[in-house]
């Protein structure tokens, strides 16, 4: 059984939602970041960055929410959270799965902190463009790949839920609000939200 190392009210939400979407049993291992549990030698052996979430699956251990999404989607193909190898949609799935931590997260931090960045030097380019590109993709909907919900929606939906709905770090747009509403309506999202509340 997979073990998910998580902490309430943290970025662990992505992994909680993911695990709930699989429909598979898993063990939640509370890692209380407010008490410094992520800095213990035992936890640092799992994730040397000392962040949550992290996942252990037998001898395998990994961290980073998008990596956990990719791993779990492949381990549980019956959950249909990723297009199969060879499916032309897989390229778009991988793009959007990694767009969440690679572009959305740094762009939302840039907007929230008002840090000036050279768009050529910044790996995510221009923050405004990040959200314009996402806006354009989400107007097609209902999900980032069209009709098929995937782990990429978990990564993007979690980022938008955090930055638009909960903390209002990023200005709302009609496509974002409609997409977040579709995410929030999912039973697995609702179960994860109850768990994340602690």
Protein backbone atom coordinates (compact mmCIF):
# COMPACT_ATOMS: atom_id res chain seq x y z
CA UNK A 1 0.00 0.00 0.00
CA UNK A 2 1.32 3.44 -0.91
CA UNK A 3 2.14 5.83 1.91
CA UNK A 4 1.45 9.52 1.34
CA UNK A 5 3.40 11.91 3.57
CA UNK A 6 1.29 15.02 3.93
CA UNK A 7 0.43 17.96 6.15
CA UNK A 8 -2.88 19.81 6.48
CA UNK A 9 -3.27 23.20 4.75
CA UNK A 10 -0.26 22.66 2.50
CA UNK A 11 0.69 21.76 -1.05
CA UNK A 12 -0.06 18.16 -0.05
CA UNK A 13 -3.58 18.83 -1.31
CA UNK A 14 -2.58 17.90 -4.87
CA UNK A 15 -1.41 14.45 -3.79
CA UNK A 16 -4.40 13.92 -1.48
CA UNK A 17 -6.79 14.72 -4.32
CA UNK A 18 -4.80 12.46 -6.65
CA UNK A 19 -4.93 9.50 -4.27
CA UNK A 20 -8.66 10.00 -3.72
CA UNK A 21 -9.22 10.00 -7.49
CA UNK A 22 -7.49 6.61 -7.85
CA UNK A 23 -10.06 4.87 -5.66
CA UNK A 24 -7.20 2.75 -4.28
CA UNK A 25 -6.39 2.34 -0.58
CA UNK A 26 -3.40 4.29 0.68
CA UNK A 27 -1.97 5.24 4.04
CA UNK A 28 -1.80 8.90 5.02
CA UNK A 29 1.30 9.63 7.11
CA UNK A 30 0.84 12.94 8.89
CA UNK A 31 4.00 15.03 8.60
CA UNK A 32 3.31 18.04 10.78
CA UNK A 33 5.30 20.83 9.12
CA UNK A 34 4.27 23.31 11.84
CA UNK A 35 6.17 21.10 14.32
CA UNK A 36 9.17 20.60 12.02
CA UNK A 37 8.45 16.93 11.20
CA UNK A 38 9.72 17.51 7.66
CA UNK A 39 13.20 18.26 9.03
CA UNK A 40 13.76 14.94 10.81
CA UNK A 41 16.48 12.63 9.42
CA UNK A 42 13.79 9.99 8.76
CA UNK A 43 11.76 12.34 6.59
CA UNK A 44 14.79 13.87 4.86
CA UNK A 45 15.74 10.34 3.78
CA UNK A 46 12.46 10.27 1.82
CA UNK A 47 12.58 13.88 0.59
CA UNK A 48 15.90 15.69 1.09
CA UNK A 49 14.17 18.99 0.26
CA UNK A 50 12.16 18.69 3.49
CA UNK A 51 8.85 19.50 1.79
CA UNK A 52 5.48 17.77 1.55
CA UNK A 53 4.04 15.85 -0.17
CA UNK A 54 6.16 12.75 -0.59
CA UNK A 55 5.18 9.21 -1.49
CA UNK A 56 6.56 5.79 -0.63
CA UNK A 57 5.57 2.74 -2.65
CA UNK A 58 7.49 -0.24 -1.33
CA UNK A 59 11.16 0.46 -2.08
CA UNK A 60 10.32 3.46 -4.28
CA UNK A 61 10.11 6.95 -2.78
CA UNK A 62 9.58 10.28 -4.48
CA UNK A 63 8.47 13.85 -3.90
CA UNK A 64 7.25 16.80 -5.99
CA UNK A 65 3.50 16.86 -6.63
CA UNK A 66 3.68 16.61 -10.44
CA UNK A 67 6.12 13.68 -10.23
CA UNK A 68 3.78 11.96 -7.76
CA UNK A 69 0.90 12.58 -10.19
CA UNK A 70 2.84 11.00 -13.07
CA UNK A 71 3.96 8.03 -10.97
CA UNK A 72 0.58 7.23 -9.45
CA UNK A 73 -1.27 7.65 -12.76
CA UNK A 74 1.05 5.05 -14.29
CA UNK A 75 0.82 2.68 -11.31
CA UNK A 76 -2.99 2.71 -11.44
CA UNK A 77 -3.86 2.77 -15.15
CA UNK A 78 -7.39 1.60 -14.35
CA UNK A 79 -8.05 5.03 -12.78
CA UNK A 80 -7.62 6.54 -16.28
CA UNK A 81 -5.70 9.56 -14.97
CA UNK A 82 -3.25 9.61 -17.89
CA UNK A 83 -3.42 8.87 -21.61
CA UNK A 84 -1.67 5.60 -22.41
CA UNK A 85 1.78 5.44 -24.00
CA UNK A 86 1.30 5.91 -27.71
CA UNK A 87 -1.88 7.98 -27.31
CA UNK A 88 -1.35 11.32 -29.12
CA UNK A 89 -2.94 13.11 -26.13
CA UNK A 90 -0.05 11.95 -23.92
CA UNK A 91 2.19 14.76 -25.18
CA UNK A 92 -0.38 17.39 -24.23
CA UNK A 93 -0.96 15.63 -20.88
CA UNK A 94 2.75 15.78 -20.00
CA UNK A 95 2.97 19.41 -21.11
CA UNK A 96 0.11 20.50 -18.85
CA UNK A 97 1.14 18.26 -15.94
CA UNK A 98 4.52 20.01 -15.80
CA UNK A 99 3.12 23.43 -16.74
CA UNK A 100 1.57 23.57 -13.24
CA UNK A 101 4.83 23.57 -11.21
CA UNK A 102 7.04 24.92 -14.01
CA UNK A 103 4.94 27.91 -15.05
CA UNK A 104 1.80 28.45 -12.91
CA UNK A 105 3.47 28.27 -9.48
CA UNK A 106 6.36 30.64 -10.22
CA UNK A 107 4.05 33.00 -12.13
CA UNK A 108 1.60 33.18 -9.24
CA UNK A 109 4.45 33.88 -6.79
CA UNK A 110 5.77 36.57 -9.14
CA UNK A 111 2.34 38.22 -9.32
CA UNK A 112 1.71 37.94 -5.57
CA UNK A 113 5.12 39.35 -4.60
CA UNK A 114 5.31 41.87 -7.47
CA UNK A 115 8.87 40.74 -8.22
CA UNK A 116 10.16 42.08 -11.52
CA UNK A 117 11.66 39.32 -13.66
CA UNK A 118 13.29 39.40 -17.05
CA UNK A 119 10.94 37.23 -19.12
CA UNK A 120 13.88 35.84 -21.10
CA UNK A 121 15.72 34.79 -17.92
CA UNK A 122 12.64 33.43 -16.10
CA UNK A 123 12.00 29.76 -16.90
CA UNK A 124 8.26 30.44 -17.01
CA UNK A 125 8.67 33.48 -19.24
CA UNK A 126 6.14 36.21 -18.59
CA UNK A 127 3.59 35.74 -15.76
CA UNK A 128 0.80 37.44 -17.70
CA UNK A 129 1.43 35.17 -20.68
CA UNK A 130 1.30 32.06 -18.43
CA UNK A 131 -2.24 32.93 -17.37
CA UNK A 132 -3.28 34.01 -20.88
CA UNK A 133 -2.13 30.64 -22.27
CA UNK A 134 -3.94 28.78 -19.48
CA UNK A 135 -7.07 30.91 -19.97
CA UNK A 136 -7.10 30.09 -23.68
CA UNK A 137 -6.71 26.34 -23.00
CA UNK A 138 -9.43 26.27 -20.34
CA UNK A 139 -12.04 28.02 -22.48
CA UNK A 140 -12.14 24.86 -24.62
CA UNK A 141 -12.81 22.57 -21.61
CA UNK A 142 -14.30 21.00 -19.76
CA UNK A 143 -10.85 19.64 -18.82
CA UNK A 144 -7.33 20.56 -19.90
CA UNK A 145 -7.29 17.65 -22.40
CA UNK A 146 -10.86 18.27 -23.53
CA UNK A 147 -13.40 15.65 -22.49
CA UNK A 148 -10.97 13.52 -20.45
CA UNK A 149 -10.13 14.38 -16.84
CA UNK A 150 -6.51 13.55 -15.99
CA UNK A 151 -3.80 13.99 -13.38
CA UNK A 152 -2.85 17.17 -15.26
CA UNK A 153 -6.19 18.60 -14.12
CA UNK A 154 -5.30 17.69 -10.55
CA UNK A 155 -2.02 19.63 -10.80
CA UNK A 156 -3.56 22.64 -12.58
CA UNK A 157 -6.81 22.57 -10.61
CA UNK A 158 -4.91 22.51 -7.31
CA UNK A 159 -2.75 25.46 -8.39
CA UNK A 160 -5.75 27.53 -9.50
CA UNK A 161 -7.80 26.57 -6.45
CA UNK A 162 -4.94 27.75 -4.24
CA UNK A 163 -4.03 30.91 -6.14
CA UNK A 164 -7.46 32.12 -7.33
CA UNK A 165 -10.17 30.66 -5.07
CA UNK A 166 -8.47 30.39 -1.67
CA UNK A 167 -5.79 33.08 -1.55
CA UNK A 168 -6.76 35.40 -4.41
CA UNK A 169 -3.11 35.75 -5.44
CA UNK A 170 -4.02 35.67 -9.12
CA UNK A 171 -6.89 37.69 -10.64
CA UNK A 172 -9.92 35.59 -11.44
CA UNK A 173 -11.10 34.98 -15.01
CA UNK A 174 -14.37 33.39 -16.15
CA UNK A 175 -12.58 30.30 -17.53
CA UNK A 176 -10.69 29.87 -14.23
CA UNK A 177 -13.85 30.19 -12.13
CA UNK A 178 -15.76 27.67 -14.27
CA UNK A 179 -12.85 25.22 -14.25
CA UNK A 180 -12.34 25.50 -10.49
CA UNK A 181 -16.09 24.93 -9.99
CA UNK A 182 -15.86 21.71 -12.06
CA UNK A 183 -12.87 20.57 -9.98
CA UNK A 184 -14.57 21.40 -6.66
CA UNK A 185 -17.66 19.44 -7.76
CA UNK A 186 -15.67 16.21 -8.04
CA UNK A 187 -16.31 13.86 -5.07
CA UNK A 188 -12.57 13.06 -4.78
CA UNK A 189 -11.77 16.79 -4.54
CA UNK A 190 -14.36 17.17 -1.78
CA UNK A 191 -12.96 14.21 0.17
CA UNK A 192 -9.43 15.61 -0.18
CA UNK A 193 -10.57 19.05 0.97
CA UNK A 194 -12.05 17.54 4.15
CA UNK A 195 -8.82 15.64 4.80
CA UNK A 196 -6.67 18.72 4.10
CA UNK A 197 -8.65 20.80 6.58
CA UNK A 198 -7.05 18.65 9.29
